[in-house]
Amino acid sequence: KITGGEPLVRRGCAGLVARLKELPGVEQVTLTTNGVLLAEQIAALEK
């Protein structure tokens, strides 16, 4: 689970999610957010 502080204030959060998902043995990657920046980053996180 990716957390903070608020994780979406750090640039490249979605890229980190993608790279974590590629690691052998990693089954799930999730995120906790306050939601303020979520709408503008949701497409990248989904991808």
All heavy atoms as atom14 arrays in JSON, in Angstrom:
{
  "sequence": "KITGGEPLVRRGCAGLVARLKELPGVEQVTLTTNGVLLAEQIAALEK",
  "atom14_mask": [
    [1, 1, 1, 1, 1, 1, 1, 1, 1, 0, 0, 0, 0, 0],
    [1, 1, 1, 1, 1, 1, 1, 1, 0, 0, 0, 0, 0, 0],
    [1, 1, 1, 1, 1, 1, 1, 0, 0, 0, 0, 0, 0, 0],
    [1, 1, 1, 1, 0, 0, 0, 0, 0, 0, 0, 0, 0, 0],
    [1, 1, 1, 1, 0, 0, 0, 0, 0, 0, 0, 0, 0, 0],
    [1, 1, 1, 1, 1, 1, 1, 1, 1, 0, 0, 0, 0, 0],
    [1, 1, 1, 1, 1, 1, 1, 0, 0, 0, 0, 0, 0, 0],
    [1, 1, 1, 1, 1, 1, 1, 1, 0, 0, 0, 0, 0, 0],
    [1, 1, 1, 1, 1, 1, 1, 0, 0, 0, 0, 0, 0, 0],
    [1, 1, 1, 1, 1, 1, 1, 1, 1, 1, 1, 0, 0, 0],
    [1, 1, 1, 1, 1, 1, 1, 1, 1, 1, 1, 0, 0, 0],
    [1, 1, 1, 1, 0, 0, 0, 0, 0, 0, 0, 0, 0, 0],
    [1, 1, 1, 1, 1, 1, 0, 0, 0, 0, 0, 0, 0, 0],
    [1, 1, 1, 1, 1, 0, 0, 0, 0, 0, 0, 0, 0, 0],
    [1, 1, 1, 1, 0, 0, 0, 0, 0, 0, 0, 0, 0, 0],
    [1, 1, 1, 1, 1, 1, 1, 1, 0, 0, 0, 0, 0, 0],
    [1, 1, 1, 1, 1, 1, 1, 0, 0, 0, 0, 0, 0, 0],
    [1, 1, 1, 1, 1, 0, 0, 0, 0, 0, 0, 0, 0, 0],
    [1, 1, 1, 1, 1, 1, 1, 1, 1, 1, 1, 0, 0, 0],
    [1, 1, 1, 1, 1, 1, 1, 1, 0, 0, 0, 0, 0, 0],
    [1, 1, 1, 1, 1, 1, 1, 1, 1, 0, 0, 0, 0, 0],
    [1, 1, 1, 1, 1, 1, 1, 1, 1, 0, 0, 0, 0, 0],
    [1, 1, 1, 1, 1, 1, 1, 1, 0, 0, 0, 0, 0, 0],
    [1, 1, 1, 1, 1, 1, 1, 0, 0, 0, 0, 0, 0, 0],
    [1, 1, 1, 1, 0, 0, 0, 0, 0, 0, 0, 0, 0, 0],
    [1, 1, 1, 1, 1, 1, 1, 0, 0, 0, 0, 0, 0, 0],
    [1, 1, 1, 1, 1, 1, 1, 1, 1, 0, 0, 0, 0, 0],
    [1, 1, 1, 1, 1, 1, 1, 1, 1, 0, 0, 0, 0, 0],
    [1, 1, 1, 1, 1, 1, 1, 0, 0, 0, 0, 0, 0, 0],
    [1, 1, 1, 1, 1, 1, 1, 0, 0, 0, 0, 0, 0, 0],
    [1, 1, 1, 1, 1, 1, 1, 1, 0, 0, 0, 0, 0, 0],
    [1, 1, 1, 1, 1, 1, 1, 0, 0, 0, 0, 0, 0, 0],
    [1, 1, 1, 1, 1, 1, 1, 0, 0, 0, 0, 0, 0, 0],
    [1, 1, 1, 1, 1, 1, 1, 1, 0, 0, 0, 0, 0, 0],
    [1, 1, 1, 1, 0, 0, 0, 0, 0, 0, 0, 0, 0, 0],
    [1, 1, 1, 1, 1, 1, 1, 0, 0, 0, 0, 0, 0, 0],
    [1, 1, 1, 1, 1, 1, 1, 1, 0, 0, 0, 0, 0, 0],
    [1, 1, 1, 1, 1, 1, 1, 1, 0, 0, 0, 0, 0, 0],
    [1, 1, 1, 1, 1, 0, 0, 0, 0, 0, 0, 0, 0, 0],
    [1, 1, 1, 1, 1, 1, 1, 1, 1, 0, 0, 0, 0, 0],
    [1, 1, 1, 1, 1, 1, 1, 1, 1, 0, 0, 0, 0, 0],
    [1, 1, 1, 1, 1, 1, 1, 1, 0, 0, 0, 0, 0, 0],
    [1, 1, 1, 1, 1, 0, 0, 0, 0, 0, 0, 0, 0, 0],
    [1, 1, 1, 1, 1, 0, 0, 0, 0, 0, 0, 0, 0, 0],
    [1, 1, 1, 1, 1, 1, 1, 1, 0, 0, 0, 0, 0, 0],
    [1, 1, 1, 1, 1, 1, 1, 1, 1, 0, 0, 0, 0, 0],
    [1, 1, 1, 1, 1, 1, 1, 1, 1, 0, 0, 0, 0, 0]
  ],
  "atom14_positions": [
    [[0.85, -1.19, 0.0], [0.0, 0.0, 0.0], [0.88, 1.23, 0.0], [1.77, 1.37, 0.84], [-0.95, 0.04, 1.2], [-1.83, 1.29, 1.18], [-2.89, 1.26, 2.24], [-3.94, 0.23, 1.97], [-4.74, 0.52, 0.74], [0.0, 0.0, 0.0], [0.0, 0.0, 0.0], [0.0, 0.0, 0.0], [0.0, 0.0, 0.0], [0.0, 0.0, 0.0]],
    [[0.63, 2.13, -0.93], [1.36, 3.39, -1.04], [0.64, 4.44, -0.2], [-0.55, 4.69, -0.39], [1.46, 3.85, -2.51], [2.05, 2.74, -3.38], [2.29, 5.12, -2.6], [3.41, 2.26, -2.95], [0.0, 0.0, 0.0], [0.0, 0.0, 0.0], [0.0, 0.0, 0.0], [0.0, 0.0, 0.0], [0.0, 0.0, 0.0], [0.0, 0.0, 0.0]],
    [[1.38, 5.08, 0.72], [0.79, 6.07, 1.6], [1.71, 7.29, 1.68], [2.72, 7.38, 1.01], [0.59, 5.51, 3.02], [1.85, 5.37, 3.67], [-0.1, 4.16, 2.99], [0.0, 0.0, 0.0], [0.0, 0.0, 0.0], [0.0, 0.0, 0.0], [0.0, 0.0, 0.0], [0.0, 0.0, 0.0], [0.0, 0.0, 0.0], [0.0, 0.0, 0.0]],
    [[1.36, 8.23, 2.57], [2.2, 9.38, 2.84], [2.29, 9.6, 4.34], [2.3, 8.62, 5.09], [0.0, 0.0, 0.0], [0.0, 0.0, 0.0], [0.0, 0.0, 0.0], [0.0, 0.0, 0.0], [0.0, 0.0, 0.0], [0.0, 0.0, 0.0], [0.0, 0.0, 0.0], [0.0, 0.0, 0.0], [0.0, 0.0, 0.0], [0.0, 0.0, 0.0]],
    [[2.24, 10.86, 4.76], [1.74, 12.08, 4.13], [0.64, 11.8, 3.1], [-0.16, 10.91, 3.24], [0.0, 0.0, 0.0], [0.0, 0.0, 0.0], [0.0, 0.0, 0.0], [0.0, 0.0, 0.0], [0.0, 0.0, 0.0], [0.0, 0.0, 0.0], [0.0, 0.0, 0.0], [0.0, 0.0, 0.0], [0.0, 0.0, 0.0], [0.0, 0.0, 0.0]],
    [[0.63, 12.6, 2.06], [-0.28, 12.43, 0.94], [0.54, 11.97, -0.26], [1.32, 12.75, -0.82], [-1.02, 13.72, 0.64], [-1.75, 13.74, -0.68], [-2.65, 12.53, -0.89], [-3.35, 12.12, 0.06], [-2.65, 11.99, -2.01], [0.0, 0.0, 0.0], [0.0, 0.0, 0.0], [0.0, 0.0, 0.0], [0.0, 0.0, 0.0], [0.0, 0.0, 0.0]],
    [[0.42, 10.72, -0.68], [1.32, 10.19, -1.71], [1.22, 10.89, -3.05], [2.21, 10.96, -3.79], [0.91, 8.72, -1.82], [-0.47, 8.66, -1.24], [-0.5, 9.7, -0.17], [0.0, 0.0, 0.0], [0.0, 0.0, 0.0], [0.0, 0.0, 0.0], [0.0, 0.0, 0.0], [0.0, 0.0, 0.0], [0.0, 0.0, 0.0], [0.0, 0.0, 0.0]],
    [[0.05, 11.44, -3.38], [-0.11, 12.05, -4.7], [0.58, 13.4, -4.82], [0.63, 13.97, -5.91], [-1.59, 12.16, -5.06], [-2.32, 10.81, -5.19], [-3.77, 11.04, -5.63], [-1.61, 9.87, -6.15], [0.0, 0.0, 0.0], [0.0, 0.0, 0.0], [0.0, 0.0, 0.0], [0.0, 0.0, 0.0], [0.0, 0.0, 0.0], [0.0, 0.0, 0.0]],
    [[1.13, 13.94, -3.73], [1.9, 15.18, -3.87], [3.31, 14.9, -4.37], [4.01, 15.83, -4.8], [1.96, 15.98, -2.55], [0.58, 16.31, -2.03], [2.78, 15.26, -1.49], [0.0, 0.0, 0.0], [0.0, 0.0, 0.0], [0.0, 0.0, 0.0], [0.0, 0.0, 0.0], [0.0, 0.0, 0.0], [0.0, 0.0, 0.0], [0.0, 0.0, 0.0]],
    [[3.73, 13.63, -4.35], [5.06, 13.31, -4.87], [4.94, 12.92, -6.33], [4.16, 12.04, -6.71], [5.7, 12.16, -4.09], [7.11, 11.83, -4.57], [7.86, 10.9, -3.65], [9.17, 10.6, -4.2], [10.08, 9.81, -3.63], [9.83, 9.27, -2.44], [11.24, 9.58, -4.21], [0.0, 0.0, 0.0], [0.0, 0.0, 0.0], [0.0, 0.0, 0.0]],
    [[5.73, 13.57, -7.17], [5.68, 13.29, -8.59], [6.06, 11.84, -8.88], [6.94, 11.28, -8.24], [6.64, 14.22, -9.35], [6.22, 15.68, -9.34], [7.2, 16.53, -10.14], [6.84, 17.94, -10.12], [7.55, 18.89, -10.7], [8.67, 18.57, -11.36], [7.16, 20.15, -10.64], [0.0, 0.0, 0.0], [0.0, 0.0, 0.0], [0.0, 0.0, 0.0]],
    [[5.4, 11.28, -9.87], [5.76, 9.94, -10.32], [5.13, 8.81, -9.53], [5.55, 7.66, -9.68], [0.0, 0.0, 0.0], [0.0, 0.0, 0.0], [0.0, 0.0, 0.0], [0.0, 0.0, 0.0], [0.0, 0.0, 0.0], [0.0, 0.0, 0.0], [0.0, 0.0, 0.0], [0.0, 0.0, 0.0], [0.0, 0.0, 0.0], [0.0, 0.0, 0.0]],
    [[4.12, 9.11, -8.73], [3.49, 8.07, -7.92], [2.93, 6.94, -8.79], [3.13, 5.76, -8.5], [2.4, 8.67, -7.05], [1.57, 7.49, -5.97], [0.0, 0.0, 0.0], [0.0, 0.0, 0.0], [0.0, 0.0, 0.0], [0.0, 0.0, 0.0], [0.0, 0.0, 0.0], [0.0, 0.0, 0.0], [0.0, 0.0, 0.0], [0.0, 0.0, 0.0]],
    [[2.25, 7.28, -9.86], [1.68, 6.26, -10.74], [2.78, 5.41, -11.37], [2.63, 4.19, -11.53], [0.82, 6.9, -11.82], [0.0, 0.0, 0.0], [0.0, 0.0, 0.0], [0.0, 0.0, 0.0], [0.0, 0.0, 0.0], [0.0, 0.0, 0.0], [0.0, 0.0, 0.0], [0.0, 0.0, 0.0], [0.0, 0.0, 0.0], [0.0, 0.0, 0.0]],
    [[3.89, 6.04, -11.72], [5.01, 5.28, -12.27], [5.57, 4.27, -11.28], [5.94, 3.15, -11.64], [0.0, 0.0, 0.0], [0.0, 0.0, 0.0], [0.0, 0.0, 0.0], [0.0, 0.0, 0.0], [0.0, 0.0, 0.0], [0.0, 0.0, 0.0], [0.0, 0.0, 0.0], [0.0, 0.0, 0.0], [0.0, 0.0, 0.0], [0.0, 0.0, 0.0]],
    [[5.61, 4.66, -10.0], [6.05, 3.73, -8.97], [5.09, 2.55, -8.86], [5.51, 1.4, -8.75], [6.16, 4.44, -7.62], [6.51, 3.55, -6.42], [7.92, 2.97, -6.57], [6.39, 4.32, -5.11], [0.0, 0.0, 0.0], [0.0, 0.0, 0.0], [0.0, 0.0, 0.0], [0.0, 0.0, 0.0], [0.0, 0.0, 0.0], [0.0, 0.0, 0.0]],
    [[3.79, 2.84, -8.91], [2.8, 1.76, -8.87], [3.04, 0.77, -10.0], [3.06, -0.46, -9.79], [1.38, 2.34, -8.95], [0.35, 1.22, -9.14], [1.04, 3.13, -7.69], [0.0, 0.0, 0.0], [0.0, 0.0, 0.0], [0.0, 0.0, 0.0], [0.0, 0.0, 0.0], [0.0, 0.0, 0.0], [0.0, 0.0, 0.0], [0.0, 0.0, 0.0]],
    [[3.26, 1.28, -11.21], [3.48, 0.41, -12.36], [4.71, -0.47, -12.18], [4.7, -1.66, -12.5], [3.6, 1.25, -13.63], [0.0, 0.0, 0.0], [0.0, 0.0, 0.0], [0.0, 0.0, 0.0], [0.0, 0.0, 0.0], [0.0, 0.0, 0.0], [0.0, 0.0, 0.0], [0.0, 0.0, 0.0], [0.0, 0.0, 0.0], [0.0, 0.0, 0.0]],
    [[5.78, 0.11, -11.66], [7.02, -0.66, -11.47], [6.88, -1.68, -10.35], [7.44, -2.78, -10.43], [8.18, 0.29, -11.23], [8.46, 1.19, -12.44], [9.59, 2.17, -12.18], [10.87, 1.5, -12.1], [12.01, 2.12, -11.81], [12.0, 3.42, -11.54], [13.16, 1.45, -11.77], [0.0, 0.0, 0.0], [0.0, 0.0, 0.0], [0.0, 0.0, 0.0]],
    [[6.15, -1.33, -9.31], [5.89, -2.31, -8.24], [5.1, -3.49, -8.78], [5.37, -4.65, -8.43], [5.13, -1.65, -7.09], [5.92, -0.76, -6.15], [4.97, 0.01, -5.23], [6.91, -1.57, -5.31], [0.0, 0.0, 0.0], [0.0, 0.0, 0.0], [0.0, 0.0, 0.0], [0.0, 0.0, 0.0], [0.0, 0.0, 0.0], [0.0, 0.0, 0.0]],
    [[4.13, -3.21, -9.63], [3.28, -4.27, -10.18], [4.08, -5.26, -11.03], [3.66, -6.41, -11.21], [2.16, -3.67, -11.02], [1.11, -2.92, -10.24], [0.12, -3.87, -9.6], [-0.75, -4.53, -10.64], [-1.81, -5.39, -10.04], [0.0, 0.0, 0.0], [0.0, 0.0, 0.0], [0.0, 0.0, 0.0], [0.0, 0.0, 0.0], [0.0, 0.0, 0.0]],
    [[5.21, -4.82, -11.53], [6.04, -5.67, -12.38], [6.95, -6.61, -11.58], [7.53, -7.54, -12.14], [6.91, -4.81, -13.3], [6.11, -4.02, -14.33], [6.97, -3.01, -15.08], [8.15, -2.85, -14.7], [6.48, -2.4, -16.04], [0.0, 0.0, 0.0], [0.0, 0.0, 0.0], [0.0, 0.0, 0.0], [0.0, 0.0, 0.0], [0.0, 0.0, 0.0]],
    [[7.1, -6.38, -10.28], [8.03, -7.16, -9.49], [7.5, -8.57, -9.23], [6.33, -8.75, -8.89], [8.3, -6.48, -8.15], [8.98, -5.1, -8.19], [9.16, -4.56, -6.78], [10.32, -5.18, -8.9], [0.0, 0.0, 0.0], [0.0, 0.0, 0.0], [0.0, 0.0, 0.0], [0.0, 0.0, 0.0], [0.0, 0.0, 0.0], [0.0, 0.0, 0.0]],
    [[8.36, -9.58, -9.34], [7.93, -10.95, -9.02], [7.49, -11.05, -7.56], [8.15, -10.51, -6.67], [9.22, -11.77, -9.26], [10.04, -10.93, -10.19], [9.75, -9.51, -9.84], [0.0, 0.0, 0.0], [0.0, 0.0, 0.0], [0.0, 0.0, 0.0], [0.0, 0.0, 0.0], [0.0, 0.0, 0.0], [0.0, 0.0, 0.0], [0.0, 0.0, 0.0]],
    [[6.37, -11.7, -7.34], [5.87, -11.89, -5.99], [4.91, -10.83, -5.51], [4.28, -10.99, -4.46], [0.0, 0.0, 0.0], [0.0, 0.0, 0.0], [0.0, 0.0, 0.0], [0.0, 0.0, 0.0], [0.0, 0.0, 0.0], [0.0, 0.0, 0.0], [0.0, 0.0, 0.0], [0.0, 0.0, 0.0], [0.0, 0.0, 0.0], [0.0, 0.0, 0.0]],
    [[4.8, -9.72, -6.25], [3.88, -8.66, -5.86], [2.5, -8.96, -6.44], [2.33, -8.99, -7.66], [4.38, -7.28, -6.33], [3.33, -6.21, -6.03], [5.69, -6.93, -5.65], [0.0, 0.0, 0.0], [0.0, 0.0, 0.0], [0.0, 0.0, 0.0], [0.0, 0.0, 0.0], [0.0, 0.0, 0.0], [0.0, 0.0, 0.0], [0.0, 0.0, 0.0]],
    [[1.53, -9.17, -5.56], [0.19, -9.53, -6.0], [-0.73, -8.33, -6.09], [-1.59, -8.26, -6.97], [-0.43, -10.55, -5.02], [0.31, -11.88, -4.99], [-0.28, -12.82, -3.96], [-1.28, -12.45, -3.29], [0.25, -13.93, -3.81], [0.0, 0.0, 0.0], [0.0, 0.0, 0.0], [0.0, 0.0, 0.0], [0.0, 0.0, 0.0], [0.0, 0.0, 0.0]],
    [[-0.58, -7.37, -5.16], [-1.47, -6.22, -5.14], [-0.7, -4.97, -4.77], [0.18, -5.0, -3.91], [-2.59, -6.41, -4.11], [-3.55, -7.52, -4.42], [-4.64, -7.62, -3.37], [-4.91, -6.67, -2.64], [-5.27, -8.78, -3.28], [0.0, 0.0, 0.0], [0.0, 0.0, 0.0], [0.0, 0.0, 0.0], [0.0, 0.0, 0.0], [0.0, 0.0, 0.0]],
    [[-1.07, -3.87, -5.42], [-0.56, -2.54, -5.06], [-1.77, -1.63, -4.92], [-2.58, -1.5, -5.85], [0.42, -1.98, -6.11], [0.92, -0.6, -5.69], [1.59, -2.93, -6.32], [0.0, 0.0, 0.0], [0.0, 0.0, 0.0], [0.0, 0.0, 0.0], [0.0, 0.0, 0.0], [0.0, 0.0, 0.0], [0.0, 0.0, 0.0], [0.0, 0.0, 0.0]],
    [[-1.91, -1.02, -3.76], [-3.05, -0.15, -3.48], [-2.55, 1.2, -2.99], [-1.36, 1.39, -2.77], [-3.97, -0.81, -2.44], [-3.26, -0.97, -1.21], [-4.44, -2.18, -2.92], [0.0, 0.0, 0.0], [0.0, 0.0, 0.0], [0.0, 0.0, 0.0], [0.0, 0.0, 0.0], [0.0, 0.0, 0.0], [0.0, 0.0, 0.0], [0.0, 0.0, 0.0]],
    [[-3.47, 2.14, -2.82], [-3.11, 3.51, -2.5], [-4.1, 4.1, -1.52], [-5.32, 3.9, -1.65], [-3.11, 4.36, -3.79], [-2.87, 5.87, -3.66], [-1.38, 6.15, -3.56], [-3.46, 6.61, -4.86], [0.0, 0.0, 0.0], [0.0, 0.0, 0.0], [0.0, 0.0, 0.0], [0.0, 0.0, 0.0], [0.0, 0.0, 0.0], [0.0, 0.0, 0.0]],
    [[-3.6, 4.83, -0.53], [-4.45, 5.63, 0.36], [-4.19, 7.11, 0.08], [-3.04, 7.54, 0.03], [-4.14, 5.32, 1.84], [-4.63, 4.02, 2.15], [-4.82, 6.31, 2.75], [0.0, 0.0, 0.0], [0.0, 0.0, 0.0], [0.0, 0.0, 0.0], [0.0, 0.0, 0.0], [0.0, 0.0, 0.0], [0.0, 0.0, 0.0], [0.0, 0.0, 0.0]],
    [[-5.26, 7.88, -0.09], [-5.13, 9.29, -0.46], [-6.22, 10.12, 0.22], [-7.27, 9.6, 0.58], [-5.24, 9.46, -1.99], [-5.28, 10.84, -2.33], [-6.5, 8.81, -2.54], [0.0, 0.0, 0.0], [0.0, 0.0, 0.0], [0.0, 0.0, 0.0], [0.0, 0.0, 0.0], [0.0, 0.0, 0.0], [0.0, 0.0, 0.0], [0.0, 0.0, 0.0]],
    [[-5.94, 11.42, 0.37], [-7.01, 12.31, 0.86], [-7.95, 12.72, -0.27], [-8.95, 13.4, -0.03], [-6.44, 13.53, 1.59], [-5.54, 14.4, 0.72], [-5.75, 14.53, -0.49], [-4.54, 15.0, 1.33], [0.0, 0.0, 0.0], [0.0, 0.0, 0.0], [0.0, 0.0, 0.0], [0.0, 0.0, 0.0], [0.0, 0.0, 0.0], [0.0, 0.0, 0.0]],
    [[-7.63, 12.36, -1.49], [-8.53, 12.56, -2.62], [-8.42, 13.88, -3.34], [-8.99, 14.05, -4.41], [0.0, 0.0, 0.0], [0.0, 0.0, 0.0], [0.0, 0.0, 0.0], [0.0, 0.0, 0.0], [0.0, 0.0, 0.0], [0.0, 0.0, 0.0], [0.0, 0.0, 0.0], [0.0, 0.0, 0.0], [0.0, 0.0, 0.0], [0.0, 0.0, 0.0]],
    [[-7.69, 14.84, -2.78], [-7.66, 16.19, -3.36], [-7.1, 16.18, -4.77], [-7.6, 16.88, -5.66], [-6.86, 17.14, -2.45], [-6.66, 18.49, -3.12], [-7.55, 17.31, -1.1], [0.0, 0.0, 0.0], [0.0, 0.0, 0.0], [0.0, 0.0, 0.0], [0.0, 0.0, 0.0], [0.0, 0.0, 0.0], [0.0, 0.0, 0.0], [0.0, 0.0, 0.0]],
    [[-6.08, 15.38, -5.02], [-5.42, 15.34, -6.33], [-5.82, 14.11, -7.14], [-5.25, 13.86, -8.21], [-3.9, 15.35, -6.14], [-3.31, 16.56, -5.41], [-1.81, 16.37, -5.17], [-3.56, 17.84, -6.18], [0.0, 0.0, 0.0], [0.0, 0.0, 0.0], [0.0, 0.0, 0.0], [0.0, 0.0, 0.0], [0.0, 0.0, 0.0], [0.0, 0.0, 0.0]],
    [[-6.78, 13.36, -6.66], [-7.07, 12.06, -7.27], [-7.68, 12.17, -8.66], [-7.3, 11.42, -9.57], [-7.98, 11.25, -6.35], [-8.29, 9.83, -6.79], [-7.01, 9.01, -6.93], [-9.24, 9.16, -5.79], [0.0, 0.0, 0.0], [0.0, 0.0, 0.0], [0.0, 0.0, 0.0], [0.0, 0.0, 0.0], [0.0, 0.0, 0.0], [0.0, 0.0, 0.0]],
    [[-8.63, 13.07, -8.85], [-9.32, 13.14, -10.15], [-8.34, 13.36, -11.29], [-8.48, 12.75, -12.36], [-10.38, 14.25, -10.13], [0.0, 0.0, 0.0], [0.0, 0.0, 0.0], [0.0, 0.0, 0.0], [0.0, 0.0, 0.0], [0.0, 0.0, 0.0], [0.0, 0.0, 0.0], [0.0, 0.0, 0.0], [0.0, 0.0, 0.0], [0.0, 0.0, 0.0]],
    [[-7.33, 14.21, -11.07], [-6.39, 14.5, -12.15], [-5.34, 13.41, -12.35], [-4.65, 13.4, -13.37], [-5.69, 15.83, -11.89], [-4.88, 15.88, -10.61], [-4.58, 17.3, -10.17], [-5.51, 18.05, -9.86], [-3.37, 17.65, -10.13], [0.0, 0.0, 0.0], [0.0, 0.0, 0.0], [0.0, 0.0, 0.0], [0.0, 0.0, 0.0], [0.0, 0.0, 0.0]],
    [[-5.23, 12.47, -11.42], [-4.22, 11.42, -11.55], [-4.84, 10.02, -11.71], [-4.11, 9.04, -11.89], [-3.3, 11.43, -10.32], [-2.5, 12.71, -10.18], [-1.4, 12.62, -9.14], [-0.73, 11.59, -9.0], [-1.19, 13.71, -8.4], [0.0, 0.0, 0.0], [0.0, 0.0, 0.0], [0.0, 0.0, 0.0], [0.0, 0.0, 0.0], [0.0, 0.0, 0.0]],
    [[-6.15, 9.91, -11.67], [-6.79, 8.6, -11.67], [-6.51, 7.82, -12.95], [-6.32, 6.59, -12.92], [-8.32, 8.73, -11.44], [-8.9, 7.38, -11.05], [-9.02, 9.32, -12.63], [-8.53, 6.89, -9.7], [0.0, 0.0, 0.0], [0.0, 0.0, 0.0], [0.0, 0.0, 0.0], [0.0, 0.0, 0.0], [0.0, 0.0, 0.0], [0.0, 0.0, 0.0]],
    [[-6.45, 8.49, -14.09], [-6.21, 7.77, -15.35], [-4.84, 7.12, -15.34], [-4.68, 5.97, -15.76], [-6.36, 8.73, -16.53], [0.0, 0.0, 0.0], [0.0, 0.0, 0.0], [0.0, 0.0, 0.0], [0.0, 0.0, 0.0], [0.0, 0.0, 0.0], [0.0, 0.0, 0.0], [0.0, 0.0, 0.0], [0.0, 0.0, 0.0], [0.0, 0.0, 0.0]],
    [[-3.83, 7.85, -14.86], [-2.47, 7.29, -14.81], [-2.39, 6.14, -13.82], [-1.71, 5.14, -14.06], [-1.48, 8.39, -14.44], [0.0, 0.0, 0.0], [0.0, 0.0, 0.0], [0.0, 0.0, 0.0], [0.0, 0.0, 0.0], [0.0, 0.0, 0.0], [0.0, 0.0, 0.0], [0.0, 0.0, 0.0], [0.0, 0.0, 0.0], [0.0, 0.0, 0.0]],
    [[-3.09, 6.27, -12.68], [-3.09, 5.19, -11.68], [-3.79, 3.94, -12.21], [-3.33, 2.82, -11.98], [-3.77, 5.68, -10.4], [-3.0, 6.76, -9.62], [-3.9, 7.41, -8.58], [-1.75, 6.17, -8.95], [0.0, 0.0, 0.0], [0.0, 0.0, 0.0], [0.0, 0.0, 0.0], [0.0, 0.0, 0.0], [0.0, 0.0, 0.0], [0.0, 0.0, 0.0]],
    [[-4.88, 4.15, -12.92], [-5.58, 3.0, -13.52], [-4.68, 2.3, -14.54], [-4.56, 1.07, -14.56], [-6.88, 3.46, -14.18], [-7.65, 2.33, -14.84], [-8.89, 2.82, -15.56], [-9.18, 4.03, -15.51], [-9.56, 1.98, -16.19], [0.0, 0.0, 0.0], [0.0, 0.0, 0.0], [0.0, 0.0, 0.0], [0.0, 0.0, 0.0], [0.0, 0.0, 0.0]],
    [[-4.03, 3.09, -15.39], [-3.14, 2.53, -16.4], [-1.98, 1.78, -15.76], [-1.5, 0.77, -16.29], [-2.61, 3.65, -17.31], [-1.74, 3.16, -18.46], [-1.3, 4.3, -19.34], [-0.42, 3.8, -20.49], [0.02, 4.93, -21.37], [0.0, 0.0, 0.0], [0.0, 0.0, 0.0], [0.0, 0.0, 0.0], [0.0, 0.0, 0.0], [0.0, 0.0, 0.0]]
  ]
}
